Amino acid sequence: MARLPESPGIYQIVNQVNGKRYIGSGKFPHRRRDQHFHCLRHNIGSNQHLQNAFNKYGEDSFKFEILMTCPYSWIIELEQ
């Protein structure tokens, strides 16, 4: 089945152990998910708090969720 076109939006990566979350935004949120988890797996995540938690709790403790889709021009304002 073909993947539907992706909309820009706001997402979160939730630590299911302690409830802490990383909020982000992107033109292609699922691509950002793939980038985040690739970097975290290789211990080169750009957010040190998220990287430390990933190292401590492991990948299975984290869940990626799209919070909302929106026009690309709105994503930075809404993320903040």
Protein backbone atom coordinates (compact mmCIF):
# COMPACT_ATOMS: atom_id res chain seq x y z
CA MET A 1 0.00 0.00 0.00
CA ALA A 2 1.31 3.45 -0.90
CA ARG A 3 2.07 5.84 1.93
CA LEU A 4 -0.13 8.93 2.01
CA PRO A 5 1.53 12.34 1.65
CA GLU A 6 2.67 13.63 4.99
CA SER A 7 1.54 16.96 6.46
CA PRO A 8 3.73 19.32 8.51
CA GLY A 9 3.08 19.15 12.21
CA ILE A 10 4.00 19.03 15.87
CA TYR A 11 5.11 15.75 17.46
CA GLN A 12 6.30 14.40 20.76
CA ILE A 13 8.63 11.64 21.87
CA VAL A 14 7.32 10.36 25.20
CA ASN A 15 9.33 8.49 27.80
CA GLN A 16 6.73 5.94 28.91
CA VAL A 17 8.63 5.24 32.14
CA ASN A 18 8.64 8.73 33.64
CA GLY A 19 6.20 10.64 31.40
CA LYS A 20 8.74 13.23 30.26
CA ARG A 21 8.45 14.32 26.66
CA TYR A 22 10.36 16.00 23.89
CA ILE A 23 8.26 18.27 21.68
CA GLY A 24 9.35 18.97 18.13
CA SER A 25 8.03 20.06 14.77
CA GLY A 26 8.77 19.35 11.17
CA LYS A 27 7.66 19.55 7.60
CA PHE A 28 7.73 15.74 7.52
CA PRO A 29 7.25 14.50 11.12
CA HIS A 30 7.72 10.81 10.34
CA ARG A 31 11.05 11.55 8.68
CA ARG A 32 12.03 13.48 11.81
CA ARG A 33 11.03 10.43 13.89
CA ASP A 34 13.34 8.26 11.80
CA GLN A 35 16.16 10.82 12.11
CA HIS A 36 15.72 11.17 15.88
CA PHE A 37 15.74 7.44 16.53
CA HIS A 38 18.67 6.85 14.18
CA CYS A 39 20.72 9.46 16.04
CA LEU A 40 19.62 8.21 19.45
CA ARG A 41 20.56 4.62 18.57
CA HIS A 42 24.02 5.83 17.56
CA ASN A 43 24.41 8.04 20.65
CA ILE A 44 24.54 11.24 18.61
CA GLY A 45 21.15 12.74 19.53
CA SER A 46 21.08 16.53 19.41
CA ASN A 47 19.15 16.87 22.70
CA GLN A 48 21.35 15.68 25.57
CA HIS A 49 18.43 15.15 27.99
CA LEU A 50 16.64 12.95 25.47
CA GLN A 51 19.86 11.09 24.63
CA ASN A 52 20.61 10.43 28.31
CA ALA A 53 17.10 9.12 28.91
CA PHE A 54 17.26 6.95 25.77
CA ASN A 55 20.56 5.48 26.97
CA LYS A 56 19.16 4.85 30.45
CA TYR A 57 15.70 3.45 29.62
CA GLY A 58 16.19 1.98 26.13
CA GLU A 59 14.35 2.46 22.86
CA ASP A 60 11.31 0.40 23.86
CA SER A 61 10.50 2.99 26.56
CA PHE A 62 9.90 5.73 23.98
CA LYS A 63 6.85 6.41 21.86
CA PHE A 64 6.51 8.86 18.97
CA GLU A 65 3.17 10.62 18.54
CA ILE A 66 1.90 13.28 16.15
CA LEU A 67 0.13 15.93 18.24
CA MET A 68 -1.27 17.96 15.37
CA THR A 69 -0.86 18.76 11.73
CA CYS A 70 -0.85 22.37 10.56
CA PRO A 71 0.37 24.61 7.77
CA TYR A 72 4.17 24.66 7.60
CA SER A 73 4.25 28.41 8.28
CA TRP A 74 2.64 27.80 11.73
CA ILE A 75 4.83 25.00 13.10
CA ILE A 76 7.48 27.01 14.97
CA GLU A 77 4.91 29.21 16.70
CA LEU A 78 2.75 26.22 17.67
CA GLU A 79 5.74 24.16 18.84
CA GLN A 80 6.79 26.95 21.22
